[in-house]
């Protein structure tokens, strides 16, 4: 089971790393939003702002590297919470057909937090 957790952790880390780096280097094709005009407008606003996209991309790269190396893993899990919540909400509200990868990130984040709950218990006592 430990091998499965390691594979999932590294896989999620690689996914975050690739999508984070893509926000800087644009090596993957742009998203297709179809008729979801709101999603396209928000996506364009993030990229045009010069602030939000580098912030999100940088955080994804850092969290991805921390997942892959398992350095300060409990901190990386906490840093992933706002990312995963916003990804899920973006797709739930503006782009429902593409919500599955967002749900995967959120569920895996929740699962790893559950598995490492002893690191967070004191926050809720």
C-alpha atoms as a PDB file:
ATOM      1  CA  UNK A   1       0.000   0.000   0.000  1.00  0.00           C
ATOM      2  CA  UNK A   2       2.921   2.311   0.704  1.00  0.00           C
ATOM      3  CA  UNK A   3       4.043   1.946  -2.918  1.00  0.00           C
ATOM      4  CA  UNK A   4       0.560   2.933  -4.128  1.00  0.00           C
ATOM      5  CA  UNK A   5       0.608   6.057  -1.939  1.00  0.00           C
ATOM      6  CA  UNK A   6       4.054   6.956  -3.235  1.00  0.00           C
ATOM      7  CA  UNK A   7       2.944   6.555  -6.854  1.00  0.00           C
ATOM      8  CA  UNK A   8      -0.183   8.668  -6.261  1.00  0.00           C
ATOM      9  CA  UNK A   9       1.810  11.357  -4.407  1.00  0.00           C
ATOM     10  CA  UNK A  10       4.458  11.588  -7.125  1.00  0.00           C
ATOM     11  CA  UNK A  11       1.819  11.474  -9.881  1.00  0.00           C
ATOM     12  CA  UNK A  12      -0.102  14.355  -8.294  1.00  0.00           C
ATOM     13  CA  UNK A  13       3.159  16.224  -7.793  1.00  0.00           C
ATOM     14  CA  UNK A  14       4.103  15.769 -11.455  1.00  0.00           C
ATOM     15  CA  UNK A  15       0.645  16.927 -12.542  1.00  0.00           C
ATOM     16  CA  UNK A  16       0.952  20.090 -10.428  1.00  0.00           C
ATOM     17  CA  UNK A  17       4.497  20.677 -11.652  1.00  0.00           C
ATOM     18  CA  UNK A  18       3.550  20.345 -15.333  1.00  0.00           C
ATOM     19  CA  UNK A  19       0.439  22.533 -15.083  1.00  0.00           C
ATOM     20  CA  UNK A  20       2.348  25.088 -12.997  1.00  0.00           C
ATOM     21  CA  UNK A  21       5.225  25.278 -15.471  1.00  0.00           C
ATOM     22  CA  UNK A  22       2.728  25.574 -18.322  1.00  0.00           C
ATOM     23  CA  UNK A  23       1.540  28.864 -16.814  1.00  0.00           C
ATOM     24  CA  UNK A  24       5.023  30.242 -17.473  1.00  0.00           C
ATOM     25  CA  UNK A  25       6.140  28.531 -20.674  1.00  0.00           C
ATOM     26  CA  UNK A  26       2.864  27.668 -22.504  1.00  0.00           C
ATOM     27  CA  UNK A  27       3.996  24.314 -23.889  1.00  0.00           C
ATOM     28  CA  UNK A  28       0.506  22.743 -23.788  1.00  0.00           C
ATOM     29  CA  UNK A  29      -2.401  23.811 -26.006  1.00  0.00           C
ATOM     30  CA  UNK A  30      -4.854  26.350 -24.620  1.00  0.00           C
ATOM     31  CA  UNK A  31      -7.986  25.088 -22.936  1.00  0.00           C
ATOM     32  CA  UNK A  32     -11.124  24.752 -25.035  1.00  0.00           C
ATOM     33  CA  UNK A  33     -14.107  26.162 -23.153  1.00  0.00           C
ATOM     34  CA  UNK A  34     -16.667  25.773 -25.924  1.00  0.00           C
ATOM     35  CA  UNK A  35     -19.768  27.809 -25.140  1.00  0.00           C
ATOM     36  CA  UNK A  36     -18.614  28.686 -21.632  1.00  0.00           C
ATOM     37  CA  UNK A  37     -17.926  32.370 -22.243  1.00  0.00           C
ATOM     38  CA  UNK A  38     -17.513  33.127 -18.539  1.00  0.00           C
ATOM     39  CA  UNK A  39     -14.738  30.559 -18.217  1.00  0.00           C
ATOM     40  CA  UNK A  40     -12.934  31.948 -21.253  1.00  0.00           C
ATOM     41  CA  UNK A  41     -13.200  35.515 -19.928  1.00  0.00           C
ATOM     42  CA  UNK A  42     -11.939  34.611 -16.460  1.00  0.00           C
ATOM     43  CA  UNK A  43      -9.103  32.540 -17.921  1.00  0.00           C
ATOM     44  CA  UNK A  44      -8.132  35.467 -20.157  1.00  0.00           C
ATOM     45  CA  UNK A  45      -8.301  37.896 -17.218  1.00  0.00           C
ATOM     46  CA  UNK A  46      -5.960  35.683 -15.196  1.00  0.00           C
ATOM     47  CA  UNK A  47      -3.454  35.515 -18.016  1.00  0.00           C
ATOM     48  CA  UNK A  48      -3.705  39.227 -18.847  1.00  0.00           C
ATOM     49  CA  UNK A  49      -3.360  40.394 -15.241  1.00  0.00           C
ATOM     50  CA  UNK A  50       0.358  39.604 -15.115  1.00  0.00           C
ATOM     51  CA  UNK A  51      -0.153  38.759 -11.452  1.00  0.00           C
ATOM     52  CA  UNK A  52      -2.604  35.946 -10.842  1.00  0.00           C
ATOM     53  CA  UNK A  53      -1.301  33.425 -13.352  1.00  0.00           C
ATOM     54  CA  UNK A  54       2.336  33.603 -12.173  1.00  0.00           C
ATOM     55  CA  UNK A  55       1.141  33.408  -8.550  1.00  0.00           C
ATOM     56  CA  UNK A  56      -0.959  30.287  -9.149  1.00  0.00           C
ATOM     57  CA  UNK A  57       1.661  28.732 -11.421  1.00  0.00           C
ATOM     58  CA  UNK A  58       4.458  29.389  -8.959  1.00  0.00           C
ATOM     59  CA  UNK A  59       2.481  27.902  -6.101  1.00  0.00           C
ATOM     60  CA  UNK A  60       1.640  24.832  -8.202  1.00  0.00           C
ATOM     61  CA  UNK A  61       5.324  24.363  -9.090  1.00  0.00           C
ATOM     62  CA  UNK A  62       6.421  24.664  -5.462  1.00  0.00           C
ATOM     63  CA  UNK A  63       3.710  22.319  -4.167  1.00  0.00           C
ATOM     64  CA  UNK A  64       4.408  19.866  -6.987  1.00  0.00           C
ATOM     65  CA  UNK A  65       8.116  19.783  -6.138  1.00  0.00           C
ATOM     66  CA  UNK A  66       7.323  19.329  -2.441  1.00  0.00           C
ATOM     67  CA  UNK A  67       5.008  16.420  -3.303  1.00  0.00           C
ATOM     68  CA  UNK A  68       7.646  14.777  -5.479  1.00  0.00           C
ATOM     69  CA  UNK A  69      10.449  15.175  -2.932  1.00  0.00           C
ATOM     70  CA  UNK A  70       8.144  14.673   0.092  1.00  0.00           C
ATOM     71  CA  UNK A  71       9.819  17.614   1.800  1.00  0.00           C
ATOM     72  CA  UNK A  72       7.560  19.361   4.324  1.00  0.00           C
ATOM     73  CA  UNK A  73       4.706  17.311   2.863  1.00  0.00           C
ATOM     74  CA  UNK A  74       2.137  18.423   5.497  1.00  0.00           C
ATOM     75  CA  UNK A  75       2.790  22.069   4.572  1.00  0.00           C
ATOM     76  CA  UNK A  76       2.454  21.251   0.876  1.00  0.00           C
ATOM     77  CA  UNK A  77      -0.926  19.637   1.561  1.00  0.00           C
ATOM     78  CA  UNK A  78      -2.141  22.793   3.303  1.00  0.00           C
ATOM     79  CA  UNK A  79      -0.861  24.973   0.458  1.00  0.00           C
ATOM     80  CA  UNK A  80      -2.769  22.818  -2.030  1.00  0.00           C
ATOM     81  CA  UNK A  81      -6.132  23.395  -0.310  1.00  0.00           C
ATOM     82  CA  UNK A  82      -6.869  26.847  -1.808  1.00  0.00           C
ATOM     83  CA  UNK A  83      -5.620  25.695  -5.201  1.00  0.00           C
ATOM     84  CA  UNK A  84      -7.816  22.610  -5.270  1.00  0.00           C
ATOM     85  CA  UNK A  85     -10.880  24.452  -3.930  1.00  0.00           C
ATOM     86  CA  UNK A  86     -10.549  27.149  -6.586  1.00  0.00           C
ATOM     87  CA  UNK A  87      -9.973  24.637  -9.382  1.00  0.00           C
ATOM     88  CA  UNK A  88     -13.100  22.716  -8.369  1.00  0.00           C
ATOM     89  CA  UNK A  89     -15.213  25.868  -8.012  1.00  0.00           C
ATOM     90  CA  UNK A  90     -13.999  27.251 -11.343  1.00  0.00           C
ATOM     91  CA  UNK A  91     -15.018  24.075 -13.136  1.00  0.00           C
ATOM     92  CA  UNK A  92     -18.232  23.558 -11.137  1.00  0.00           C
ATOM     93  CA  UNK A  93     -19.483  27.060 -11.932  1.00  0.00           C
ATOM     94  CA  UNK A  94     -17.917  27.909 -15.280  1.00  0.00           C
ATOM     95  CA  UNK A  95     -16.722  24.711 -16.959  1.00  0.00           C
ATOM     96  CA  UNK A  96     -18.581  21.627 -15.667  1.00  0.00           C
ATOM     97  CA  UNK A  97     -17.617  19.284 -18.536  1.00  0.00           C
ATOM     98  CA  UNK A  98     -13.948  19.437 -17.471  1.00  0.00           C
ATOM     99  CA  UNK A  99     -14.416  19.019 -13.708  1.00  0.00           C
ATOM    100  CA  UNK A 100     -13.075  15.459 -13.378  1.00  0.00           C
ATOM    101  CA  UNK A 101      -9.334  16.343 -13.097  1.00  0.00           C
ATOM    102  CA  UNK A 102     -10.207  19.113 -10.632  1.00  0.00           C
ATOM    103  CA  UNK A 103     -12.170  16.671  -8.477  1.00  0.00           C
ATOM    104  CA  UNK A 104      -9.276  14.215  -8.647  1.00  0.00           C
ATOM    105  CA  UNK A 105      -6.862  16.833  -7.277  1.00  0.00           C
ATOM    106  CA  UNK A 106      -9.282  17.813  -4.485  1.00  0.00           C
ATOM    107  CA  UNK A 107     -10.085  14.226  -3.495  1.00  0.00           C
ATOM    108  CA  UNK A 108      -6.414  13.226  -3.440  1.00  0.00           C
ATOM    109  CA  UNK A 109      -5.563  16.319  -1.401  1.00  0.00           C
ATOM    110  CA  UNK A 110      -8.299  15.448   1.090  1.00  0.00           C
ATOM    111  CA  UNK A 111      -7.153  11.837   1.219  1.00  0.00           C
ATOM    112  CA  UNK A 112      -3.542  12.755   1.953  1.00  0.00           C
ATOM    113  CA  UNK A 113      -4.654  15.245   4.627  1.00  0.00           C
ATOM    114  CA  UNK A 114      -6.695  12.451   6.209  1.00  0.00           C
ATOM    115  CA  UNK A 115      -3.687  10.100   6.096  1.00  0.00           C
ATOM    116  CA  UNK A 116      -1.509  12.779   7.753  1.00  0.00           C
ATOM    117  CA  UNK A 117      -4.141  14.013  10.224  1.00  0.00           C
ATOM    118  CA  UNK A 118      -1.772  13.724  13.197  1.00  0.00           C
ATOM    119  CA  UNK A 119       0.148  16.691  11.780  1.00  0.00           C
ATOM    120  CA  UNK A 120      -2.989  18.884  11.866  1.00  0.00           C
ATOM    121  CA  UNK A 121      -4.770  17.626  14.987  1.00  0.00           C
ATOM    122  CA  UNK A 122      -3.336  20.382  17.190  1.00  0.00           C
ATOM    123  CA  UNK A 123      -4.833  23.036  14.879  1.00  0.00           C
ATOM    124  CA  UNK A 124      -8.336  21.916  15.865  1.00  0.00           C
ATOM    125  CA  UNK A 125      -7.904  21.287  19.596  1.00  0.00           C
END
